[in-house]
Amino acid sequence: MEWSLDIEKVENGFVITTFEEQEDSNFKLPRKVLFQFGEDSDFGDSERKNELDTMKSVLEFVVEYFGMGYNKWDKNNIDIKTDYPGHKVEEENGDE
């Protein structure tokens, strides 16, 4: 079975179109998911922070869609974070 998706940035957010192959044919059924810029962003009310919050949701959807989501039994997981003002950023090796 093959899976694919397209991501399109639109005026008020992002649209993801997924295409999933049907088991009994070569037909791929499209499905659209809208990630809309909201007013209840985790990062405050600025437009930039709102876009970052929405993009984080898009990336989390992509990870889950392809079966790479968080597994509590695995030591290696994909972690999608957003940095915001006042948050101390650490280097890859743990240094500040």
PDB file of N, CA and C in Angstrom:
ATOM      1  N   MET A   1       0.836  -1.173   0.000  1.00  0.00           N
ATOM      2  CA  MET A   1       0.000   0.000   0.000  1.00  0.00           C
ATOM      3  C   MET A   1       0.889   1.246   0.000  1.00  0.00           C
ATOM      4  N   GLU A   2       0.533   2.226  -0.811  1.00  0.00           N
ATOM      5  CA  GLU A   2       1.300   3.469  -0.890  1.00  0.00           C
ATOM      6  C   GLU A   2       0.515   4.618  -0.269  1.00  0.00           C
ATOM      7  N   TRP A   3       1.229   5.497   0.393  1.00  0.00           N
ATOM      8  CA  TRP A   3       0.646   6.695   0.972  1.00  0.00           C
ATOM      9  C   TRP A   3       1.414   7.892   0.442  1.00  0.00           C
ATOM     10  N   SER A   4       0.725   8.995   0.257  1.00  0.00           N
ATOM     11  CA  SER A   4       1.391  10.243  -0.098  1.00  0.00           C
ATOM     12  C   SER A   4       0.542  11.400   0.397  1.00  0.00           C
ATOM     13  N   LEU A   5       1.157  12.576   0.439  1.00  0.00           N
ATOM     14  CA  LEU A   5       0.406  13.762   0.823  1.00  0.00           C
ATOM     15  C   LEU A   5       1.014  14.990   0.181  1.00  0.00           C
ATOM     16  N   ASP A   6       0.186  16.019   0.035  1.00  0.00           N
ATOM     17  CA  ASP A   6       0.604  17.326  -0.471  1.00  0.00           C
ATOM     18  C   ASP A   6       0.282  18.345   0.610  1.00  0.00           C
ATOM     19  N   ILE A   7       1.184  19.314   0.792  1.00  0.00           N
ATOM     20  CA  ILE A   7       0.951  20.396   1.746  1.00  0.00           C
ATOM     21  C   ILE A   7       0.903  21.702   0.965  1.00  0.00           C
ATOM     22  N   GLU A   8      -0.139  22.465   1.196  1.00  0.00           N
ATOM     23  CA  GLU A   8      -0.315  23.741   0.513  1.00  0.00           C
ATOM     24  C   GLU A   8      -0.553  24.825   1.562  1.00  0.00           C
ATOM     25  N   LYS A   9       0.201  25.937   1.463  1.00  0.00           N
ATOM     26  CA  LYS A   9      -0.036  27.067   2.360  1.00  0.00           C
ATOM     27  C   LYS A   9      -1.113  27.931   1.716  1.00  0.00           C
ATOM     28  N   VAL A  10      -2.142  28.237   2.488  1.00  0.00           N
ATOM     29  CA  VAL A  10      -3.233  29.091   2.029  1.00  0.00           C
ATOM     30  C   VAL A  10      -3.304  30.312   2.942  1.00  0.00           C
ATOM     31  N   GLU A  11      -4.176  31.227   2.614  1.00  0.00           N
ATOM     32  CA  GLU A  11      -4.252  32.499   3.335  1.00  0.00           C
ATOM     33  C   GLU A  11      -4.440  32.333   4.838  1.00  0.00           C
ATOM     34  N   ASN A  12      -5.256  31.376   5.255  1.00  0.00           N
ATOM     35  CA  ASN A  12      -5.572  31.230   6.673  1.00  0.00           C
ATOM     36  C   ASN A  12      -4.989  29.977   7.322  1.00  0.00           C
ATOM     37  N   GLY A  13      -3.977  29.376   6.698  1.00  0.00           N
ATOM     38  CA  GLY A  13      -3.358  28.197   7.292  1.00  0.00           C
ATOM     39  C   GLY A  13      -2.734  27.287   6.267  1.00  0.00           C
ATOM     40  N   PHE A  14      -2.920  25.997   6.457  1.00  0.00           N
ATOM     41  CA  PHE A  14      -2.346  24.988   5.574  1.00  0.00           C
ATOM     42  C   PHE A  14      -3.411  23.951   5.247  1.00  0.00           C
ATOM     43  N   VAL A  15      -3.355  23.430   4.035  1.00  0.00           N
ATOM     44  CA  VAL A  15      -4.235  22.336   3.638  1.00  0.00           C
ATOM     45  C   VAL A  15      -3.351  21.142   3.289  1.00  0.00           C
ATOM     46  N   ILE A  16      -3.615  20.017   3.922  1.00  0.00           N
ATOM     47  CA  ILE A  16      -2.914  18.780   3.594  1.00  0.00           C
ATOM     48  C   ILE A  16      -3.900  17.888   2.858  1.00  0.00           C
ATOM     49  N   THR A  17      -3.494  17.438   1.687  1.00  0.00           N
ATOM     50  CA  THR A  17      -4.289  16.480   0.930  1.00  0.00           C
ATOM     51  C   THR A  17      -3.558  15.157   0.970  1.00  0.00           C
ATOM     52  N   THR A  18      -4.225  14.154   1.505  1.00  0.00           N
ATOM     53  CA  THR A  18      -3.627  12.824   1.581  1.00  0.00           C
ATOM     54  C   THR A  18      -4.219  11.947   0.487  1.00  0.00           C
ATOM     55  N   PHE A  19      -3.412  11.007   0.028  1.00  0.00           N
ATOM     56  CA  PHE A  19      -3.835  10.058  -0.995  1.00  0.00           C
ATOM     57  C   PHE A  19      -3.496   8.662  -0.504  1.00  0.00           C
ATOM     58  N   GLU A  20      -4.509   7.889  -0.226  1.00  0.00           N
ATOM     59  CA  GLU A  20      -4.297   6.535   0.273  1.00  0.00           C
ATOM     60  C   GLU A  20      -4.793   5.534  -0.750  1.00  0.00           C
ATOM     61  N   GLU A  21      -3.917   4.631  -1.121  1.00  0.00           N
ATOM     62  CA  GLU A  21      -4.259   3.593  -2.100  1.00  0.00           C
ATOM     63  C   GLU A  21      -5.270   2.630  -1.481  1.00  0.00           C
ATOM     64  N   GLN A  22      -6.299   2.317  -2.223  1.00  0.00           N
ATOM     65  CA  GLN A  22      -7.308   1.372  -1.762  1.00  0.00           C
ATOM     66  C   GLN A  22      -6.805  -0.064  -1.989  1.00  0.00           C
ATOM     67  N   GLU A  23      -7.075  -0.929  -1.054  1.00  0.00           N
ATOM     68  CA  GLU A  23      -6.570  -2.300  -1.118  1.00  0.00           C
ATOM     69  C   GLU A  23      -7.074  -3.072  -2.331  1.00  0.00           C
ATOM     70  N   ASP A  24      -8.297  -2.807  -2.753  1.00  0.00           N
ATOM     71  CA  ASP A  24      -8.896  -3.596  -3.825  1.00  0.00           C
ATOM     72  C   ASP A  24      -8.737  -2.977  -5.216  1.00  0.00           C
ATOM     73  N   SER A  25      -8.018  -1.843  -5.330  1.00  0.00           N
ATOM     74  CA  SER A  25      -7.833  -1.223  -6.647  1.00  0.00           C
ATOM     75  C   SER A  25      -6.622  -0.302  -6.633  1.00  0.00           C
ATOM     76  N   ASN A  26      -6.315   0.262  -7.788  1.00  0.00           N
ATOM     77  CA  ASN A  26      -5.216   1.223  -7.885  1.00  0.00           C
ATOM     78  C   ASN A  26      -5.693   2.652  -7.638  1.00  0.00           C
ATOM     79  N   PHE A  27      -6.947   2.807  -7.315  1.00  0.00           N
ATOM     80  CA  PHE A  27      -7.534   4.113  -7.073  1.00  0.00           C
ATOM     81  C   PHE A  27      -7.015   4.692  -5.760  1.00  0.00           C
ATOM     82  N   LYS A  28      -6.598   5.960  -5.793  1.00  0.00           N
ATOM     83  CA  LYS A  28      -6.156   6.637  -4.577  1.00  0.00           C
ATOM     84  C   LYS A  28      -7.219   7.634  -4.155  1.00  0.00           C
ATOM     85  N   LEU A  29      -7.718   7.475  -2.962  1.00  0.00           N
ATOM     86  CA  LEU A  29      -8.786   8.303  -2.433  1.00  0.00           C
ATOM     87  C   LEU A  29      -8.198   9.545  -1.753  1.00  0.00           C
ATOM     88  N   PRO A  30      -8.526  10.765  -2.243  1.00  0.00           N
ATOM     89  CA  PRO A  30      -7.998  11.971  -1.608  1.00  0.00           C
ATOM     90  C   PRO A  30      -8.803  12.353  -0.362  1.00  0.00           C
ATOM     91  N   ARG A  31      -8.120  12.934   0.604  1.00  0.00           N
ATOM     92  CA  ARG A  31      -8.760  13.454   1.810  1.00  0.00           C
ATOM     93  C   ARG A  31      -8.065  14.757   2.159  1.00  0.00           C
ATOM     94  N   LYS A  32      -8.814  15.810   2.436  1.00  0.00           N
ATOM     95  CA  LYS A  32      -8.236  17.108   2.770  1.00  0.00           C
ATOM     96  C   LYS A  32      -8.382  17.379   4.262  1.00  0.00           C
ATOM     97  N   VAL A  33      -7.303  17.917   4.851  1.00  0.00           N
ATOM     98  CA  VAL A  33      -7.303  18.301   6.257  1.00  0.00           C
ATOM     99  C   VAL A  33      -6.837  19.753   6.323  1.00  0.00           C
ATOM    100  N   LEU A  34      -7.593  20.613   6.996  1.00  0.00           N
ATOM    101  CA  LEU A  34      -7.252  22.029   7.115  1.00  0.00           C
ATOM    102  C   LEU A  34      -6.645  22.299   8.481  1.00  0.00           C
ATOM    103  N   PHE A  35      -5.509  22.952   8.472  1.00  0.00           N
ATOM    104  CA  PHE A  35      -4.874  23.437   9.694  1.00  0.00           C
ATOM    105  C   PHE A  35      -4.970  24.954   9.625  1.00  0.00           C
ATOM    106  N   GLN A  36      -5.904  25.501  10.360  1.00  0.00           N
ATOM    107  CA  GLN A  36      -6.216  26.920  10.260  1.00  0.00           C
ATOM    108  C   GLN A  36      -5.526  27.689  11.379  1.00  0.00           C
ATOM    109  N   PHE A  37      -5.000  28.891  11.013  1.00  0.00           N
ATOM    110  CA  PHE A  37      -4.433  29.760  12.037  1.00  0.00           C
ATOM    111  C   PHE A  37      -5.533  30.086  13.023  1.00  0.00           C
ATOM    112  N   GLY A  38      -5.288  29.817  14.297  1.00  0.00           N
ATOM    113  CA  GLY A  38      -6.318  30.041  15.306  1.00  0.00           C
ATOM    114  C   GLY A  38      -5.971  31.204  16.209  1.00  0.00           C
ATOM    115  N   GLU A  39      -6.907  31.570  17.036  1.00  0.00           N
ATOM    116  CA  GLU A  39      -6.682  32.662  17.975  1.00  0.00           C
ATOM    117  C   GLU A  39      -6.197  32.158  19.321  1.00  0.00           C
ATOM    118  N   ASP A  40      -6.187  30.845  19.515  1.00  0.00           N
ATOM    119  CA  ASP A  40      -5.778  30.287  20.796  1.00  0.00           C
ATOM    120  C   ASP A  40      -4.432  29.576  20.686  1.00  0.00           C
ATOM    121  N   SER A  41      -3.470  30.274  20.115  1.00  0.00           N
ATOM    122  CA  SER A  41      -2.133  29.730  19.943  1.00  0.00           C
ATOM    123  C   SER A  41      -1.462  29.500  21.291  1.00  0.00           C
ATOM    124  N   ASP A  42      -0.643  28.461  21.377  1.00  0.00           N
ATOM    125  CA  ASP A  42       0.127  28.197  22.596  1.00  0.00           C
ATOM    126  C   ASP A  42       1.199  29.251  22.831  1.00  0.00           C
ATOM    127  N   PHE A  43       1.505  30.051  21.820  1.00  0.00           N
ATOM    128  CA  PHE A  43       2.636  30.965  21.886  1.00  0.00           C
ATOM    129  C   PHE A  43       2.217  32.430  21.896  1.00  0.00           C
ATOM    130  N   GLY A  44       1.022  32.746  22.357  1.00  0.00           N
ATOM    131  CA  GLY A  44       0.576  34.130  22.412  1.00  0.00           C
ATOM    132  C   GLY A  44      -0.282  34.486  21.220  1.00  0.00           C
ATOM    133  N   ASP A  45      -0.447  35.784  20.994  1.00  0.00           N
ATOM    134  CA  ASP A  45      -1.394  36.209  19.979  1.00  0.00           C
ATOM    135  C   ASP A  45      -0.752  36.858  18.759  1.00  0.00           C
ATOM    136  N   SER A  46       0.568  36.886  18.656  1.00  0.00           N
ATOM    137  CA  SER A  46       1.182  37.501  17.486  1.00  0.00           C
ATOM    138  C   SER A  46       0.983  36.603  16.259  1.00  0.00           C
ATOM    139  N   GLU A  47       0.915  37.223  15.100  1.00  0.00           N
ATOM    140  CA  GLU A  47       0.685  36.463  13.862  1.00  0.00           C
ATOM    141  C   GLU A  47       1.795  35.444  13.624  1.00  0.00           C
ATOM    142  N   ARG A  48       3.045  35.824  13.830  1.00  0.00           N
ATOM    143  CA  ARG A  48       4.182  34.916  13.616  1.00  0.00           C
ATOM    144  C   ARG A  48       4.098  33.707  14.545  1.00  0.00           C
ATOM    145  N   LYS A  49       3.803  33.950  15.805  1.00  0.00           N
ATOM    146  CA  LYS A  49       3.710  32.851  16.764  1.00  0.00           C
ATOM    147  C   LYS A  49       2.546  31.933  16.422  1.00  0.00           C
ATOM    148  N   ASN A  50       1.472  32.501  15.952  1.00  0.00           N
ATOM    149  CA  ASN A  50       0.307  31.714  15.556  1.00  0.00           C
ATOM    150  C   ASN A  50       0.653  30.818  14.371  1.00  0.00           C
ATOM    151  N   GLU A  51       1.399  31.354  13.397  1.00  0.00           N
ATOM    152  CA  GLU A  51       1.829  30.544  12.249  1.00  0.00           C
ATOM    153  C   GLU A  51       2.753  29.416  12.689  1.00  0.00           C
ATOM    154  N   LEU A  52       3.651  29.689  13.636  1.00  0.00           N
ATOM    155  CA  LEU A  52       4.549  28.649  14.140  1.00  0.00           C
ATOM    156  C   LEU A  52       3.774  27.530  14.822  1.00  0.00           C
ATOM    157  N   ASP A  53       2.783  27.891  15.608  1.00  0.00           N
ATOM    158  CA  ASP A  53       1.952  26.908  16.296  1.00  0.00           C
ATOM    159  C   ASP A  53       1.220  26.023  15.286  1.00  0.00           C
ATOM    160  N   THR A  54       0.698  26.645  14.237  1.00  0.00           N
ATOM    161  CA  THR A  54      -0.022  25.887  13.208  1.00  0.00           C
ATOM    162  C   THR A  54       0.930  24.985  12.435  1.00  0.00           C
ATOM    163  N   MET A  55       2.113  25.482  12.077  1.00  0.00           N
ATOM    164  CA  MET A  55       3.097  24.664  11.365  1.00  0.00           C
ATOM    165  C   MET A  55       3.520  23.476  12.217  1.00  0.00           C
ATOM    166  N   LYS A  56       3.656  23.675  13.518  1.00  0.00           N
ATOM    167  CA  LYS A  56       4.003  22.565  14.413  1.00  0.00           C
ATOM    168  C   LYS A  56       2.932  21.472  14.330  1.00  0.00           C
ATOM    169  N   SER A  57       1.676  21.873  14.298  1.00  0.00           N
ATOM    170  CA  SER A  57       0.581  20.901  14.176  1.00  0.00           C
ATOM    171  C   SER A  57       0.641  20.159  12.846  1.00  0.00           C
ATOM    172  N   VAL A  58       0.993  20.882  11.770  1.00  0.00           N
ATOM    173  CA  VAL A  58       1.126  20.253  10.451  1.00  0.00           C
ATOM    174  C   VAL A  58       2.232  19.200  10.477  1.00  0.00           C
ATOM    175  N   LEU A  59       3.378  19.550  11.035  1.00  0.00           N
ATOM    176  CA  LEU A  59       4.501  18.607  11.083  1.00  0.00           C
ATOM    177  C   LEU A  59       4.175  17.391  11.951  1.00  0.00           C
ATOM    178  N   GLU A  60       3.476  17.610  13.054  1.00  0.00           N
ATOM    179  CA  GLU A  60       3.070  16.486  13.902  1.00  0.00           C
ATOM    180  C   GLU A  60       2.115  15.557  13.145  1.00  0.00           C
ATOM    181  N   PHE A  61       1.222  16.139  12.338  1.00  0.00           N
ATOM    182  CA  PHE A  61       0.306  15.334  11.531  1.00  0.00           C
ATOM    183  C   PHE A  61       1.083  14.475  10.531  1.00  0.00           C
ATOM    184  N   VAL A  62       2.081  15.080   9.875  1.00  0.00           N
ATOM    185  CA  VAL A  62       2.886  14.358   8.881  1.00  0.00           C
ATOM    186  C   VAL A  62       3.603  13.182   9.541  1.00  0.00           C
ATOM    187  N   VAL A  63       4.190  13.413  10.694  1.00  0.00           N
ATOM    188  CA  VAL A  63       4.889  12.348  11.415  1.00  0.00           C
ATOM    189  C   VAL A  63       3.934  11.206  11.752  1.00  0.00           C
ATOM    190  N   GLU A  64       2.773  11.532  12.270  1.00  0.00           N
ATOM    191  CA  GLU A  64       1.780  10.506  12.613  1.00  0.00           C
ATOM    192  C   GLU A  64       1.265   9.794  11.366  1.00  0.00           C
ATOM    193  N   TYR A  65       1.012  10.541  10.300  1.00  0.00           N
ATOM    194  CA  TYR A  65       0.456   9.974   9.076  1.00  0.00           C
ATOM    195  C   TYR A  65       1.341   8.860   8.512  1.00  0.00           C
ATOM    196  N   PHE A  66       2.655   9.082   8.577  1.00  0.00           N
ATOM    197  CA  PHE A  66       3.580   8.091   8.041  1.00  0.00           C
ATOM    198  C   PHE A  66       4.034   7.072   9.089  1.00  0.00           C
ATOM    199  N   GLY A  67       3.351   7.039  10.225  1.00  0.00           N
ATOM    200  CA  GLY A  67       3.606   6.003  11.224  1.00  0.00           C
ATOM    201  C   GLY A  67       4.879   6.174  12.019  1.00  0.00           C
ATOM    202  N   MET A  68       5.356   7.397  12.138  1.00  0.00           N
ATOM    203  CA  MET A  68       6.594   7.646  12.870  1.00  0.00           C
ATOM    204  C   MET A  68       6.328   8.378  14.181  1.00  0.00           C
ATOM    205  N   GLY A  69       5.101   8.291  14.686  1.00  0.00           N
ATOM    206  CA  GLY A  69       4.709   9.006  15.897  1.00  0.00           C
ATOM    207  C   GLY A  69       5.436   8.512  17.130  1.00  0.00           C
ATOM    208  N   TYR A  70       5.190   9.185  18.220  1.00  0.00           N
ATOM    209  CA  TYR A  70       5.849   8.884  19.487  1.00  0.00           C
ATOM    210  C   TYR A  70       5.543   7.462  19.947  1.00  0.00           C
ATOM    211  N   ASN A  71       6.585   6.776  20.377  1.00  0.00           N
ATOM    212  CA  ASN A  71       6.459   5.427  20.920  1.00  0.00           C
ATOM    213  C   ASN A  71       7.132   5.431  22.288  1.00  0.00           C
ATOM    214  N   LYS A  72       6.345   5.273  23.339  1.00  0.00           N
ATOM    215  CA  LYS A  72       6.914   5.368  24.688  1.00  0.00           C
ATOM    216  C   LYS A  72       7.918   4.265  24.992  1.00  0.00           C
ATOM    217  N   TRP A  73       7.945   3.190  24.220  1.00  0.00           N
ATOM    218  CA  TRP A  73       8.873   2.086  24.453  1.00  0.00           C
ATOM    219  C   TRP A  73      10.164   2.240  23.658  1.00  0.00           C
ATOM    220  N   ASP A  74      10.239   3.237  22.791  1.00  0.00           N
ATOM    221  CA  ASP A  74      11.412   3.434  21.929  1.00  0.00           C
ATOM    222  C   ASP A  74      12.269   4.570  22.470  1.00  0.00           C
ATOM    223  N   LYS A  75      13.584   4.390  22.438  1.00  0.00           N
ATOM    224  CA  LYS A  75      14.498   5.442  22.887  1.00  0.00           C
ATOM    225  C   LYS A  75      14.617   6.558  21.850  1.00  0.00           C
ATOM    226  N   ASN A  76      14.330   6.265  20.586  1.00  0.00           N
ATOM    227  CA  ASN A  76      14.476   7.238  19.508  1.00  0.00           C
ATOM    228  C   ASN A  76      13.104   7.658  18.994  1.00  0.00           C
ATOM    229  N   ASN A  77      12.771   8.930  19.195  1.00  0.00           N
ATOM    230  CA  ASN A  77      11.503   9.481  18.748  1.00  0.00           C
ATOM    231  C   ASN A  77      11.746  10.835  18.102  1.00  0.00           C
ATOM    232  N   ILE A  78      10.842  11.231  17.232  1.00  0.00           N
ATOM    233  CA  ILE A  78      10.901  12.553  16.628  1.00  0.00           C
ATOM    234  C   ILE A  78      10.247  13.532  17.590  1.00  0.00           C
ATOM    235  N   ASP A  79      10.933  14.629  17.884  1.00  0.00           N
ATOM    236  CA  ASP A  79      10.424  15.635  18.802  1.00  0.00           C
ATOM    237  C   ASP A  79      10.346  16.969  18.060  1.00  0.00           C
ATOM    238  N   ILE A  80       9.153  17.489  17.893  1.00  0.00           N
ATOM    239  CA  ILE A  80       8.955  18.756  17.186  1.00  0.00           C
ATOM    240  C   ILE A  80       8.687  19.828  18.228  1.00  0.00           C
ATOM    241  N   LYS A  81       9.579  20.809  18.307  1.00  0.00           N
ATOM    242  CA  LYS A  81       9.481  21.863  19.317  1.00  0.00           C
ATOM    243  C   LYS A  81       9.450  23.224  18.639  1.00  0.00           C
ATOM    244  N   THR A  82       8.907  24.187  19.353  1.00  0.00           N
ATOM    245  CA  THR A  82       8.933  25.566  18.917  1.00  0.00           C
ATOM    246  C   THR A  82       9.607  26.379  20.001  1.00  0.00           C
ATOM    247  N   ASP A  83      10.577  27.175  19.628  1.00  0.00           N
ATOM    248  CA  ASP A  83      11.259  28.031  20.585  1.00  0.00           C
ATOM    249  C   ASP A  83      10.536  29.371  20.631  1.00  0.00           C
ATOM    250  N   TYR A  84      10.484  29.983  21.783  1.00  0.00           N
ATOM    251  CA  TYR A  84       9.793  31.247  21.950  1.00  0.00           C
ATOM    252  C   TYR A  84      10.613  32.155  22.866  1.00  0.00           C
ATOM    253  N   PRO A  85      10.366  33.480  22.826  1.00  0.00           N
ATOM    254  CA  PRO A  85      11.152  34.415  23.634  1.00  0.00           C
ATOM    255  C   PRO A  85      11.141  34.048  25.110  1.00  0.00           C
ATOM    256  N   GLY A  86      12.314  34.184  25.728  1.00  0.00           N
ATOM    257  CA  GLY A  86      12.432  33.867  27.135  1.00  0.00           C
ATOM    258  C   GLY A  86      12.774  32.421  27.401  1.00  0.00           C
ATOM    259  N   HIS A  87      12.796  31.622  26.351  1.00  0.00           N
ATOM    260  CA  HIS A  87      13.125  30.201  26.470  1.00  0.00           C
ATOM    261  C   HIS A  87      14.589  30.026  26.113  1.00  0.00           C
ATOM    262  N   LYS A  88      15.364  29.459  27.006  1.00  0.00           N
ATOM    263  CA  LYS A  88      16.786  29.284  26.766  1.00  0.00           C
ATOM    264  C   LYS A  88      17.003  28.128  25.799  1.00  0.00           C
ATOM    265  N   VAL A  89      17.719  28.388  24.713  1.00  0.00           N
ATOM    266  CA  VAL A  89      17.986  27.374  23.697  1.00  0.00           C
ATOM    267  C   VAL A  89      19.294  26.681  24.025  1.00  0.00           C
ATOM    268  N   GLU A  90      19.280  25.345  24.016  1.00  0.00           N
ATOM    269  CA  GLU A  90      20.482  24.569  24.271  1.00  0.00           C
ATOM    270  C   GLU A  90      21.038  24.025  22.962  1.00  0.00           C
ATOM    271  N   GLU A  91      22.342  23.976  22.889  1.00  0.00           N
ATOM    272  CA  GLU A  91      23.008  23.437  21.709  1.00  0.00           C
ATOM    273  C   GLU A  91      22.800  21.928  21.653  1.00  0.00           C
ATOM    274  N   GLU A  92      23.100  21.334  20.506  1.00  0.00           N
ATOM    275  CA  GLU A  92      22.945  19.897  20.278  1.00  0.00           C
ATOM    276  C   GLU A  92      23.690  19.057  21.311  1.00  0.00           C
ATOM    277  N   ASN A  93      24.895  19.506  21.721  1.00  0.00           N
ATOM    278  CA  ASN A  93      25.700  18.726  22.658  1.00  0.00           C
ATOM    279  C   ASN A  93      25.363  19.026  24.121  1.00  0.00           C
ATOM    280  N   GLY A  94      24.328  19.857  24.356  1.00  0.00           N
ATOM    281  CA  GLY A  94      23.920  20.148  25.710  1.00  0.00           C
ATOM    282  C   GLY A  94      24.479  21.448  26.256  1.00  0.00           C
ATOM    283  N   ASP A  95      25.425  22.084  25.538  1.00  0.00           N
ATOM    284  CA  ASP A  95      25.980  23.359  25.971  1.00  0.00           C
ATOM    285  C   ASP A  95      24.999  24.472  25.665  1.00  0.00           C
ATOM    286  N   GLU A  96      25.117  25.554  26.429  1.00  0.00           N
ATOM    287  CA  GLU A  96      24.241  26.708  26.169  1.00  0.00           C
ATOM    288  C   GLU A  96      24.945  27.730  25.321  1.00  0.00           C
TER     289      GLU A  96
END
